[in-house]
Amino acid sequence: MKRDMTDRKMKELRDAFPSMPDSIRQMVAAEVKKQTGMEKDLPKTGRKRIRRTVLLAAASAAILTSAVAAAVKLGLSFSTSQVGRYGLEIKVEGQKEETDQTEPADTKKETGDGKVIAGTAAWEAPEEVPVVEIKASYIPEGMISYDDGLKIGYEDSLWQGGISMHTVVMDEEDTGNSLLTEGVADSQQIKVGDHETVLLELIPPKGSNGNFNRRIYVMYPEVWQILAMYVAEDVSLEEALKVAEGISLVPTGETTPIAQAWTWSDMAAPDIMVSIPKKTADRSELDLHQTGETFTLSRPAENLQGEYISAPLEVNVSSVQVADDLSLTEGWQDSPFRDRWEGAADEMGALLPGQLQYIRTGDGIESVDQVVKTEEIGQKLVYTTVEYTNPGEEPVQDVLFNGSLMRLIEEGDTFTVYDRSKQGEEQDWDRIEQNGPGGYHEMQYYDVYLTDGRQNGTNFISSIQPGETVTIHMAWIVNEDELEYLFLDLSGGNGVNFSQDQAGKQVLVDIRQR
């Protein structure tokens, strides 16, 4: 496909953008879902993850038939418009038909004051929409489809890159609602098969790999749906378009009310309740423990009847080790999480320095982010041994475990989340980003195994018998100068903020290295 943008222009735009930190880059898939209103899918959901589905705008064969006719009559299509230097708006528009005052009222759209706008077709989406699955007839060599068809990735690096997909329903509110995308380098309106398509080329952060630097929106007006594809730079444009052309949407036989469906207008103008992150907590709000101390912690699990329960377990963080290399995590190269630590160590396993970037933030429309300065920072491995004991009289199975590192500053009875950008004097930058795994909070490595000896790749303990103790090792790569701030949260927090939605006190283990 011919590209409208010259290589020179692309180079200039790349140079203008900063490098994205590896910690953020490796969580792009989760961020994509958060930005599009889908449930965040982090490793802690494990294999008990609720099966997510994709929605189609047609509740039955009869509804689908009428929807097809209406969509064809309206001539639904995309339109795009430039906003500033780097912004692009995408609209879903319907063809306005010529009308006169003798036409029936239902062919005109009523306004809020009861007036009728001639020449605008009044249309309605079906009340019920079926649940469908995304099926791809073409998969690039070396890649597989997984996660209910929402993801296509390389078998040796499922945590990075590839293609992430979802669909949104078109409803009567969609026309006129614009989806604004920032940092757009190039855009094209093309056809994928018989479907209207918008292709976006985003400005890739300089010096980074694995970014989702393309977005493809494919319209299916015959079923009132838009397919959104987020394409990483490890997939060529040609291959991505082949995938798009081979996509089929297969109904499962289930339906859901359209009022509960995620729509294009939801994406364009999301109604999101923003909560203020909790960065400070009083000692009375926390349940603090020391290394080597046994305490009770309830974890989600199942009983022998397969019923979900909250299982009270005895937990002990029996040891914390700090190392300059990855020898404590021998075999990490064969784990499902190996791509999290790629490039973090040299050939001998010694940890390499991380890189901090000091960023002056642009608005994404008229200006872009600028790197003010960079510096290296030493890295350490933090390796914990955590013991889970079942004190009850019945076995528990599929026990969920989590481990997140919080960086906290203690001042009297107050604990505040450590923020590197606020530790020095006022500078000519807005934020700090990090390349390398030192920016992670959630556990990067753990070694739980299924009973047959296979590493399961999920954070569930298959079973704990009465009186049995299961030992799990968790590990993180952290910045050397943050060792004195570390607290381990085993209760399901994200490590970034204090939890606000859990009952009781937040349970933390003091693992600070002073």
Protein backbone atom coordinates (compact mmCIF):
# COMPACT_ATOMS: atom_id res chain seq x y z
CA MET A 1 0.00 0.00 0.00
CA LYS A 2 1.25 3.44 -0.94
CA ARG A 3 2.02 5.60 2.07
CA ASP A 4 1.14 9.31 1.88
CA MET A 5 3.71 10.31 4.46
CA THR A 6 7.35 10.63 3.46
CA ASP A 7 10.11 8.87 5.39
CA ARG A 8 11.50 12.29 6.28
CA LYS A 9 8.25 13.38 7.92
CA MET A 10 8.03 10.13 9.88
CA LYS A 11 11.60 10.54 11.12
CA GLU A 12 10.89 14.09 12.28
CA LEU A 13 7.81 12.95 14.20
CA ARG A 14 9.64 10.04 15.79
CA ASP A 15 12.42 12.31 16.96
CA ALA A 16 9.85 14.62 18.55
CA PHE A 17 8.39 11.88 20.78
CA PRO A 18 10.06 10.34 23.84
CA SER A 19 10.78 6.68 24.36
CA MET A 20 8.02 4.74 26.10
CA PRO A 21 9.14 2.88 29.23
CA ASP A 22 9.27 -0.90 28.92
CA SER A 23 7.05 -1.29 31.97
CA ILE A 24 4.31 0.69 30.26
CA ARG A 25 4.90 -0.88 26.87
CA GLN A 26 4.48 -4.39 28.23
CA MET A 27 1.11 -3.49 29.70
CA VAL A 28 -0.28 -1.91 26.53
CA ALA A 29 -2.87 -4.66 26.10
CA ALA A 30 -4.35 -3.90 29.50
CA GLU A 31 -4.23 -0.16 28.86
CA VAL A 32 -6.05 -0.62 25.54
CA LYS A 33 -8.91 -2.30 27.37
CA LYS A 34 -9.00 0.37 30.04
CA GLN A 35 -9.15 3.17 27.48
CA THR A 36 -11.94 1.49 25.56
CA GLY A 37 -14.04 0.73 28.62
CA MET A 38 -13.36 -3.01 28.72
CA GLU A 39 -12.45 -4.75 31.93
CA LYS A 40 -8.76 -4.60 32.75
CA ASP A 41 -7.18 -8.00 32.19
CA LEU A 42 -4.04 -8.32 34.29
CA PRO A 43 -2.23 -11.54 35.23
CA LYS A 44 -3.99 -11.70 38.60
CA THR A 45 -7.27 -12.68 36.92
CA GLY A 46 -5.67 -16.02 36.06
CA ARG A 47 -7.53 -18.91 34.54
CA LYS A 48 -10.71 -18.08 36.44
CA ARG A 49 -10.99 -14.98 34.31
CA ILE A 50 -14.59 -14.22 33.38
CA ARG A 51 -15.10 -15.05 29.74
CA ARG A 52 -15.42 -11.74 27.94
CA THR A 53 -17.54 -11.49 24.84
CA VAL A 54 -17.96 -9.19 21.88
CA LEU A 55 -21.30 -7.65 20.98
CA LEU A 56 -23.10 -7.48 17.61
CA ALA A 57 -26.03 -5.20 16.81
CA ALA A 58 -28.64 -7.78 15.85
CA ALA A 59 -30.81 -9.72 18.28
CA SER A 60 -32.35 -12.25 15.89
CA ALA A 61 -32.58 -13.11 12.21
CA ALA A 62 -35.64 -10.88 11.83
CA ILE A 63 -34.01 -7.94 13.59
CA LEU A 64 -30.83 -8.48 11.62
CA THR A 65 -32.72 -8.37 8.34
CA SER A 66 -34.35 -5.03 9.17
CA ALA A 67 -31.07 -3.68 10.53
CA VAL A 68 -29.31 -4.56 7.29
CA ALA A 69 -31.94 -2.74 5.25
CA ALA A 70 -31.80 0.33 7.48
CA ALA A 71 -28.00 0.46 7.41
CA VAL A 72 -27.89 0.18 3.63
CA LYS A 73 -30.53 2.90 3.27
CA LEU A 74 -28.65 5.24 5.59
CA GLY A 75 -25.35 4.69 3.86
CA LEU A 76 -23.39 4.65 7.14
CA SER A 77 -19.75 5.56 6.67
CA PHE A 78 -16.69 7.07 8.33
CA SER A 79 -15.52 10.65 7.98
CA THR A 80 -12.28 12.11 9.32
CA SER A 81 -11.00 15.61 10.04
CA GLN A 82 -7.65 16.97 11.19
CA VAL A 83 -7.43 18.64 14.62
CA GLY A 84 -4.30 20.71 15.10
CA ARG A 85 -1.00 19.20 13.97
CA TYR A 86 -1.31 15.75 15.55
CA GLY A 87 -5.01 15.13 16.27
CA LEU A 88 -7.62 13.33 14.15
CA GLU A 89 -11.38 13.07 14.67
CA ILE A 90 -13.32 10.09 13.29
CA LYS A 91 -17.11 10.25 12.92
CA VAL A 92 -19.78 7.74 11.97
CA GLU A 93 -22.14 9.46 9.58
CA GLY A 94 -25.37 8.53 7.84
CA GLN A 95 -26.43 9.70 4.41
CA LYS A 96 -29.01 12.49 4.59
CA GLU A 97 -31.90 11.76 2.27
CA GLU A 98 -33.86 14.45 0.45
CA THR A 99 -37.28 14.84 2.07
CA ASP A 100 -40.26 17.21 1.95
CA GLN A 101 -43.06 18.09 4.35
CA THR A 102 -45.37 15.39 2.91
CA GLU A 103 -43.12 12.56 4.05
CA PRO A 104 -44.03 10.53 7.15
CA ALA A 105 -42.59 11.91 10.38
CA ASP A 106 -40.65 8.73 11.09
CA THR A 107 -38.27 9.55 8.24
CA LYS A 108 -37.20 12.76 9.97
CA LYS A 109 -35.27 13.20 13.18
CA GLU A 110 -36.99 15.02 16.06
CA THR A 111 -35.05 17.49 18.16
CA GLY A 112 -35.40 18.03 21.87
CA ASP A 113 -37.92 20.85 21.39
CA GLY A 114 -40.25 18.75 19.24
CA LYS A 115 -39.08 20.12 15.89
CA VAL A 116 -38.30 17.86 12.93
CA ILE A 117 -35.13 18.23 10.87
CA ALA A 118 -35.99 17.52 7.23
CA GLY A 119 -33.49 15.52 5.25
CA THR A 120 -32.14 13.57 8.24
CA ALA A 121 -33.24 9.96 8.52
CA ALA A 122 -34.49 8.94 11.96
CA TRP A 123 -33.09 5.49 12.69
CA GLU A 124 -33.03 3.15 15.61
CA ALA A 125 -30.75 0.31 16.57
CA PRO A 126 -32.24 -3.02 17.64
CA GLU A 127 -33.14 -3.34 21.33
CA GLU A 128 -31.35 -6.68 21.72
CA VAL A 129 -27.90 -7.52 20.36
CA PRO A 130 -26.39 -10.99 20.08
CA VAL A 131 -23.09 -11.97 21.61
CA VAL A 132 -20.50 -12.97 19.00
CA GLU A 133 -16.97 -14.26 18.78
CA ILE A 134 -14.24 -12.83 16.58
CA LYS A 135 -12.90 -15.51 14.25
CA ALA A 136 -9.83 -14.94 12.10
CA SER A 137 -9.38 -17.02 8.95
CA TYR A 138 -5.86 -15.69 8.47
CA ILE A 139 -3.18 -15.82 11.17
CA PRO A 140 0.36 -14.63 10.31
CA GLU A 141 3.08 -17.26 10.51
CA GLY A 142 4.36 -17.84 14.03
CA MET A 143 1.30 -16.24 15.65
CA ILE A 144 -1.76 -17.71 17.36
CA SER A 145 -5.25 -16.48 18.23
CA TYR A 146 -6.20 -16.58 21.92
CA ASP A 147 -8.14 -14.76 24.65
CA ASP A 148 -11.50 -15.57 23.03
CA GLY A 149 -10.24 -14.29 19.68
CA LEU A 150 -9.51 -10.81 21.04
CA LYS A 151 -5.76 -11.21 20.71
CA ILE A 152 -3.36 -12.47 18.05
CA GLY A 153 0.24 -12.75 19.21
CA TYR A 154 3.54 -14.53 18.67
CA GLU A 155 3.75 -17.82 20.54
CA ASP A 156 7.09 -16.95 22.15
CA SER A 157 5.98 -13.51 23.40
CA LEU A 158 2.26 -13.48 24.09
CA TRP A 159 2.67 -10.69 26.64
CA GLN A 160 3.97 -8.26 24.04
CA GLY A 161 3.00 -6.93 20.63
CA GLY A 162 0.66 -8.62 18.19
CA ILE A 163 -2.90 -7.46 17.52
CA SER A 164 -5.59 -6.69 20.10
CA MET A 165 -9.21 -6.41 18.96
CA HIS A 166 -12.72 -5.64 20.14
CA THR A 167 -15.97 -4.49 18.58
CA VAL A 168 -18.39 -1.68 19.40
CA VAL A 169 -22.05 -1.38 18.49
CA MET A 170 -23.33 1.52 16.39
CA ASP A 171 -26.43 3.11 17.89
CA GLU A 172 -28.53 6.13 17.01
CA GLU A 173 -26.34 8.41 19.12
CA ASP A 174 -23.24 7.64 17.09
CA THR A 175 -23.73 10.05 14.21
CA GLY A 176 -21.99 13.30 15.01
CA ASN A 177 -19.92 11.86 17.88
CA SER A 178 -16.21 12.15 17.13
CA LEU A 179 -13.48 9.84 18.37
CA LEU A 180 -10.40 12.01 18.91
CA THR A 181 -7.02 10.33 18.60
CA GLU A 182 -3.86 12.22 19.56
CA GLY A 183 -0.35 11.80 18.19
CA VAL A 184 -1.46 10.76 14.68
CA ALA A 185 1.29 10.70 12.06
CA ASP A 186 -0.82 9.60 9.09
CA SER A 187 -4.38 8.49 8.33
CA GLN A 188 -6.09 6.87 5.36
CA GLN A 189 -9.63 5.85 4.48
CA ILE A 190 -9.54 2.56 2.60
CA LYS A 191 -11.62 -0.54 1.90
CA VAL A 192 -10.98 -3.85 3.65
CA GLY A 193 -12.99 -6.26 1.55
CA ASP A 194 -16.31 -4.46 1.16
CA HIS A 195 -16.01 -2.59 4.44
CA GLU A 196 -15.22 1.07 5.04
CA THR A 197 -11.97 1.31 7.01
CA VAL A 198 -9.91 4.01 8.71
CA LEU A 199 -6.21 3.31 9.14
CA LEU A 200 -4.19 5.37 11.63
CA GLU A 201 -0.42 5.52 11.88
CA LEU A 202 0.56 6.79 15.32
CA ILE A 203 3.82 8.49 16.13
CA PRO A 204 6.01 5.77 17.68
CA PRO A 205 8.01 6.77 20.77
CA LYS A 206 11.66 7.16 19.91
CA GLY A 207 13.94 4.27 20.83
CA SER A 208 11.17 1.88 21.90
CA ASN A 209 9.95 -1.47 20.62
CA GLY A 210 6.65 -3.34 20.65
CA ASN A 211 4.42 -0.28 20.58
CA PHE A 212 0.84 -0.42 19.30
CA ASN A 213 1.53 2.21 16.65
CA ARG A 214 -1.37 1.42 14.28
CA ARG A 215 -5.11 1.42 14.74
CA ILE A 216 -7.57 0.04 12.24
CA TYR A 217 -11.33 0.69 12.46
CA VAL A 218 -13.46 -1.48 10.15
CA MET A 219 -17.18 -0.73 9.73
CA TYR A 220 -19.77 -3.49 9.39
CA PRO A 221 -22.97 -1.48 8.75
CA GLU A 222 -24.91 -4.61 7.85
CA VAL A 223 -24.62 -5.69 11.48
CA TRP A 224 -24.32 -2.25 13.12
CA GLN A 225 -20.81 -2.83 14.34
CA ILE A 226 -17.25 -1.48 14.17
CA LEU A 227 -14.19 -3.67 14.62
CA ALA A 228 -11.28 -1.90 16.36
CA MET A 229 -7.80 -3.35 15.88
CA TYR A 230 -4.72 -2.20 17.80
CA VAL A 231 -1.62 -3.31 15.88
CA ALA A 232 1.87 -3.43 17.36
CA GLU A 233 4.95 -2.66 15.32
CA ASP A 234 6.02 -6.32 15.29
CA VAL A 235 3.18 -6.93 12.79
CA SER A 236 3.54 -5.48 9.30
CA LEU A 237 0.78 -3.35 7.82
CA GLU A 238 0.30 -5.88 5.02
CA GLU A 239 -0.19 -8.72 7.50
CA ALA A 240 -2.53 -6.67 9.69
CA LEU A 241 -4.77 -5.88 6.71
CA LYS A 242 -4.82 -9.56 5.74
CA VAL A 243 -5.99 -10.37 9.26
CA ALA A 244 -8.68 -7.68 9.06
CA GLU A 245 -9.94 -8.97 5.73
CA GLY A 246 -10.29 -12.48 7.13
CA ILE A 247 -12.24 -11.55 10.28
CA SER A 248 -15.65 -13.17 10.79
CA LEU A 249 -18.10 -12.35 13.56
CA VAL A 250 -19.83 -15.52 14.70
CA PRO A 251 -22.96 -15.28 16.92
CA THR A 252 -22.92 -17.53 19.99
CA GLY A 253 -26.72 -17.70 20.27
CA GLU A 254 -26.79 -15.45 23.34
CA THR A 255 -28.14 -11.90 23.38
CA THR A 256 -27.82 -8.85 25.58
CA PRO A 257 -29.71 -5.51 25.73
CA ILE A 258 -28.12 -2.83 23.59
CA ALA A 259 -28.27 -0.52 26.60
CA GLN A 260 -25.55 -2.73 28.12
CA ALA A 261 -23.41 -2.85 24.96
CA TRP A 262 -20.29 -0.77 24.46
CA THR A 263 -20.89 1.62 21.55
CA TRP A 264 -18.89 3.89 19.28
CA SER A 265 -20.41 6.90 21.03
CA ASP A 266 -19.21 5.45 24.36
CA MET A 267 -15.68 5.38 22.94
CA ALA A 268 -16.02 8.87 21.46
CA ALA A 269 -17.48 10.47 24.58
CA PRO A 270 -17.02 8.04 27.47
CA ASP A 271 -19.00 8.72 30.62
CA ILE A 272 -16.32 7.71 33.09
CA MET A 273 -16.43 8.40 36.80
CA VAL A 274 -12.91 9.40 37.74
CA SER A 275 -11.81 8.56 41.27
CA ILE A 276 -8.97 10.42 42.94
CA PRO A 277 -6.07 8.01 43.63
CA LYS A 278 -5.41 7.50 47.33
CA LYS A 279 -1.76 8.40 47.84
CA THR A 280 -1.71 8.79 51.62
CA ALA A 281 -2.90 6.51 54.45
CA ASP A 282 -2.85 6.66 58.23
CA ARG A 283 -1.31 3.80 60.18
CA SER A 284 -4.77 3.00 61.57
CA GLU A 285 -5.97 2.22 58.02
CA LEU A 286 -3.28 -0.41 57.46
CA ASP A 287 -2.67 -3.92 58.78
CA LEU A 288 1.13 -3.92 58.92
CA HIS A 289 3.32 -6.99 59.39
CA GLN A 290 7.02 -7.81 59.47
CA THR A 291 9.06 -10.42 57.59
CA GLY A 292 8.81 -13.77 59.39
CA GLU A 293 5.48 -12.92 61.03
CA THR A 294 2.47 -15.19 60.45
CA PHE A 295 -0.88 -13.51 59.88
CA THR A 296 -4.32 -14.44 58.55
CA LEU A 297 -5.32 -13.38 55.04
CA SER A 298 -8.50 -14.39 53.22
CA ARG A 299 -8.11 -15.22 49.53
CA PRO A 300 -10.63 -16.05 46.76
CA ALA A 301 -10.82 -19.80 46.20
CA GLU A 302 -13.19 -22.71 45.57
CA ASN A 303 -14.34 -25.55 47.79
CA LEU A 304 -14.61 -29.18 46.63
CA GLN A 305 -18.11 -28.49 45.31
CA GLY A 306 -16.73 -25.81 42.97
CA GLU A 307 -18.37 -22.97 44.90
CA TYR A 308 -16.54 -19.67 45.26
CA ILE A 309 -15.44 -18.98 48.82
CA SER A 310 -13.20 -16.63 50.76
CA ALA A 311 -10.60 -18.94 52.29
CA PRO A 312 -8.81 -17.76 55.45
CA LEU A 313 -5.14 -18.76 55.12
CA GLU A 314 -2.12 -18.35 57.34
CA VAL A 315 0.50 -16.36 55.44
CA ASN A 316 4.17 -15.79 56.22
CA VAL A 317 6.73 -13.86 54.17
CA SER A 318 9.55 -15.96 55.51
CA SER A 319 12.46 -14.34 53.69
CA VAL A 320 13.46 -11.46 51.43
CA GLN A 321 16.64 -11.61 49.37
CA VAL A 322 18.27 -8.89 47.27
CA ALA A 323 20.64 -9.76 44.41
CA ASP A 324 22.60 -8.13 41.59
CA ASP A 325 21.70 -10.86 39.10
CA LEU A 326 18.93 -13.29 38.16
CA SER A 327 20.51 -16.46 39.61
CA LEU A 328 17.77 -16.79 42.26
CA THR A 329 15.18 -17.04 39.48
CA GLU A 330 16.98 -19.77 37.53
CA GLY A 331 14.88 -20.89 34.60
CA TRP A 332 13.06 -17.58 34.17
CA GLN A 333 13.93 -17.71 30.45
CA ASP A 334 11.50 -20.63 30.09
CA SER A 335 8.68 -19.06 32.08
CA PRO A 336 5.55 -17.52 30.52
CA PHE A 337 6.83 -14.14 31.71
CA ARG A 338 10.27 -14.16 30.11
CA ASP A 339 9.52 -11.20 27.85
CA ARG A 340 9.05 -8.99 30.94
CA TRP A 341 12.77 -9.26 31.69
CA GLU A 342 14.17 -9.39 28.16
CA GLY A 343 17.22 -7.13 28.01
CA ALA A 344 17.31 -6.58 31.77
CA ALA A 345 20.53 -8.58 32.27
CA ASP A 346 23.74 -9.34 30.39
CA GLU A 347 24.81 -12.77 29.10
CA MET A 348 26.03 -13.75 32.59
CA GLY A 349 22.72 -12.80 34.20
CA ALA A 350 24.01 -9.61 35.86
CA LEU A 351 21.41 -6.87 35.95
CA LEU A 352 21.97 -3.90 33.69
CA PRO A 353 21.12 -0.31 34.65
CA GLY A 354 17.68 1.04 33.86
CA GLN A 355 17.10 4.37 32.17
CA LEU A 356 15.05 7.28 33.46
CA GLN A 357 13.61 9.85 31.08
CA TYR A 358 12.49 13.27 32.27
CA ILE A 359 9.55 14.38 30.13
CA ARG A 360 7.98 17.75 29.40
CA THR A 361 4.38 16.88 28.45
CA GLY A 362 2.70 18.06 25.24
CA ASP A 363 -1.04 18.17 24.59
CA GLY A 364 -0.96 15.64 21.71
CA ILE A 365 -2.74 18.08 19.40
CA GLU A 366 -0.46 21.06 18.81
CA SER A 367 2.59 19.84 20.73
CA VAL A 368 4.28 16.56 21.57
CA ASP A 369 6.14 15.26 24.59
CA GLN A 370 9.80 16.22 24.83
CA VAL A 371 12.63 14.41 26.62
CA VAL A 372 14.47 16.99 28.73
CA LYS A 373 17.16 14.62 29.99
CA THR A 374 17.98 10.95 30.59
CA GLU A 375 19.98 9.15 33.25
CA GLU A 376 20.87 5.61 34.24
CA ILE A 377 19.83 3.99 37.51
CA GLY A 378 21.04 0.80 39.19
CA GLN A 379 18.74 -2.24 39.38
CA LYS A 380 18.34 -4.95 42.01
CA LEU A 381 16.40 -8.21 42.17
CA VAL A 382 14.02 -8.54 45.13
CA TYR A 383 13.17 -12.21 45.75
CA THR A 384 10.58 -13.14 48.39
CA THR A 385 9.51 -16.47 49.85
CA VAL A 386 5.81 -16.52 50.73
CA GLU A 387 4.17 -19.44 52.57
CA TYR A 388 0.43 -20.13 52.39
CA THR A 389 -0.99 -22.60 54.95
CA ASN A 390 -4.53 -23.99 55.08
CA PRO A 391 -5.54 -24.04 58.79
CA GLY A 392 -9.02 -25.39 58.04
CA GLU A 393 -10.43 -28.90 57.99
CA GLU A 394 -11.38 -28.94 54.29
CA PRO A 395 -9.22 -28.66 51.17
CA VAL A 396 -9.36 -25.45 49.16
CA GLN A 397 -8.59 -25.24 45.46
CA ASP A 398 -7.86 -22.65 42.77
CA VAL A 399 -6.59 -20.22 45.41
CA LEU A 400 -5.82 -16.79 43.98
CA PHE A 401 -2.56 -15.15 45.08
CA ASN A 402 -1.13 -11.71 44.26
CA GLY A 403 1.97 -9.80 45.14
CA SER A 404 2.47 -6.09 44.49
CA LEU A 405 5.27 -3.84 45.67
CA MET A 406 4.33 -0.48 47.14
CA ARG A 407 6.96 2.22 47.59
CA LEU A 408 6.02 4.14 50.73
CA ILE A 409 7.55 6.97 52.72
CA GLU A 410 6.84 6.71 56.47
CA GLU A 411 6.52 9.94 58.41
CA GLY A 412 5.19 9.37 61.93
CA ASP A 413 1.83 7.63 61.55
CA THR A 414 1.43 8.68 57.92
CA PHE A 415 2.43 6.64 54.87
CA THR A 416 2.71 8.34 51.46
CA VAL A 417 3.23 6.70 48.07
CA TYR A 418 6.77 7.42 46.87
CA ASP A 419 6.88 9.62 43.77
CA ARG A 420 10.33 10.15 42.30
CA SER A 421 9.22 13.22 40.37
CA LYS A 422 8.34 15.00 43.64
CA GLN A 423 11.53 14.25 45.56
CA GLY A 424 13.71 17.05 44.14
CA GLU A 425 13.37 20.73 43.49
CA GLU A 426 11.06 22.13 40.81
CA GLN A 427 12.43 21.24 37.38
CA ASP A 428 11.72 21.93 33.72
CA TRP A 429 9.84 18.65 33.26
CA ASP A 430 6.45 17.19 34.21
CA ARG A 431 7.02 13.48 34.74
CA ILE A 432 9.60 10.70 34.81
CA GLU A 433 9.34 7.52 32.76
CA GLN A 434 11.49 4.44 33.02
CA ASN A 435 12.80 2.00 30.45
CA GLY A 436 13.25 -1.45 31.94
CA PRO A 437 11.32 -3.63 34.40
CA GLY A 438 12.23 -1.45 37.40
CA GLY A 439 8.96 0.43 36.96
CA TYR A 440 6.73 -2.56 37.68
CA HIS A 441 4.57 -2.87 40.80
CA GLU A 442 2.75 -6.17 40.23
CA MET A 443 4.77 -9.36 40.57
CA GLN A 444 6.98 -10.00 37.56
CA TYR A 445 7.91 -13.58 38.39
CA TYR A 446 6.45 -16.42 40.46
CA ASP A 447 7.06 -20.15 40.45
CA VAL A 448 3.80 -21.91 41.34
CA TYR A 449 3.33 -25.24 39.56
CA LEU A 450 0.38 -27.49 38.87
CA THR A 451 0.32 -30.95 40.43
CA ASP A 452 1.61 -32.58 37.24
CA GLY A 453 4.74 -30.41 37.34
CA ARG A 454 3.82 -28.01 34.53
CA GLN A 455 4.14 -24.32 35.15
CA ASN A 456 0.60 -23.04 34.73
CA GLY A 457 1.37 -19.45 33.85
CA THR A 458 -1.39 -18.17 36.14
CA ASN A 459 -1.46 -16.97 39.72
CA PHE A 460 -3.61 -19.73 41.21
CA ILE A 461 -2.57 -22.45 43.63
CA SER A 462 -4.29 -25.60 42.33
CA SER A 463 -5.08 -26.93 45.85
CA ILE A 464 -4.04 -26.70 49.51
CA GLN A 465 -4.91 -29.63 51.78
CA PRO A 466 -5.78 -29.14 55.48
CA GLY A 467 -2.56 -28.36 57.34
CA GLU A 468 -0.56 -28.17 54.10
CA THR A 469 1.80 -25.28 53.35
CA VAL A 470 2.47 -24.16 49.78
CA THR A 471 5.57 -22.06 49.19
CA ILE A 472 5.68 -19.51 46.38
CA HIS A 473 8.61 -17.37 45.33
CA MET A 474 7.84 -13.96 43.89
CA ALA A 475 10.39 -11.59 42.36
CA TRP A 476 10.68 -8.06 41.02
CA ILE A 477 13.43 -5.96 39.50
CA VAL A 478 13.46 -2.61 41.27
CA ASN A 479 15.49 0.58 41.26
CA GLU A 480 18.35 0.35 43.72
CA ASP A 481 17.49 3.61 45.47
CA GLU A 482 13.89 2.45 46.12
CA LEU A 483 14.82 -0.57 48.30
CA GLU A 484 14.30 1.49 51.46
CA TYR A 485 10.64 2.15 50.59
CA LEU A 486 9.34 -1.38 49.79
CA PHE A 487 6.16 -2.86 51.27
CA LEU A 488 4.60 -6.08 49.93
CA ASP A 489 0.84 -6.12 49.36
CA LEU A 490 -0.51 -9.69 49.17
CA SER A 491 -4.18 -8.70 49.33
CA GLY A 492 -4.74 -7.73 45.69
CA GLY A 493 -3.78 -4.05 45.51
CA ASN A 494 -2.13 -2.62 42.40
CA GLY A 495 0.92 -1.28 44.22
CA VAL A 496 0.46 2.18 42.71
CA ASN A 497 -2.11 3.59 45.14
CA PHE A 498 -3.68 2.62 48.45
CA SER A 499 -6.76 0.46 47.98
CA GLN A 500 -10.11 2.20 48.38
CA ASP A 501 -12.57 -0.55 47.53
CA GLN A 502 -11.65 -3.43 49.82
CA ALA A 503 -13.33 -4.22 53.12
CA GLY A 504 -11.21 -3.87 56.23
CA LYS A 505 -7.63 -2.70 56.44
CA GLN A 506 -5.09 -3.03 53.64
CA VAL A 507 -2.60 -5.77 54.53
CA LEU A 508 1.06 -4.86 53.96
CA VAL A 509 4.33 -6.58 54.86
CA ASP A 510 7.33 -4.36 55.60
CA ILE A 511 10.22 -5.61 53.43
CA ARG A 512 12.25 -2.39 53.43
CA GLN A 513 16.01 -2.85 52.98
CA ARG A 514 17.87 -0.21 54.97
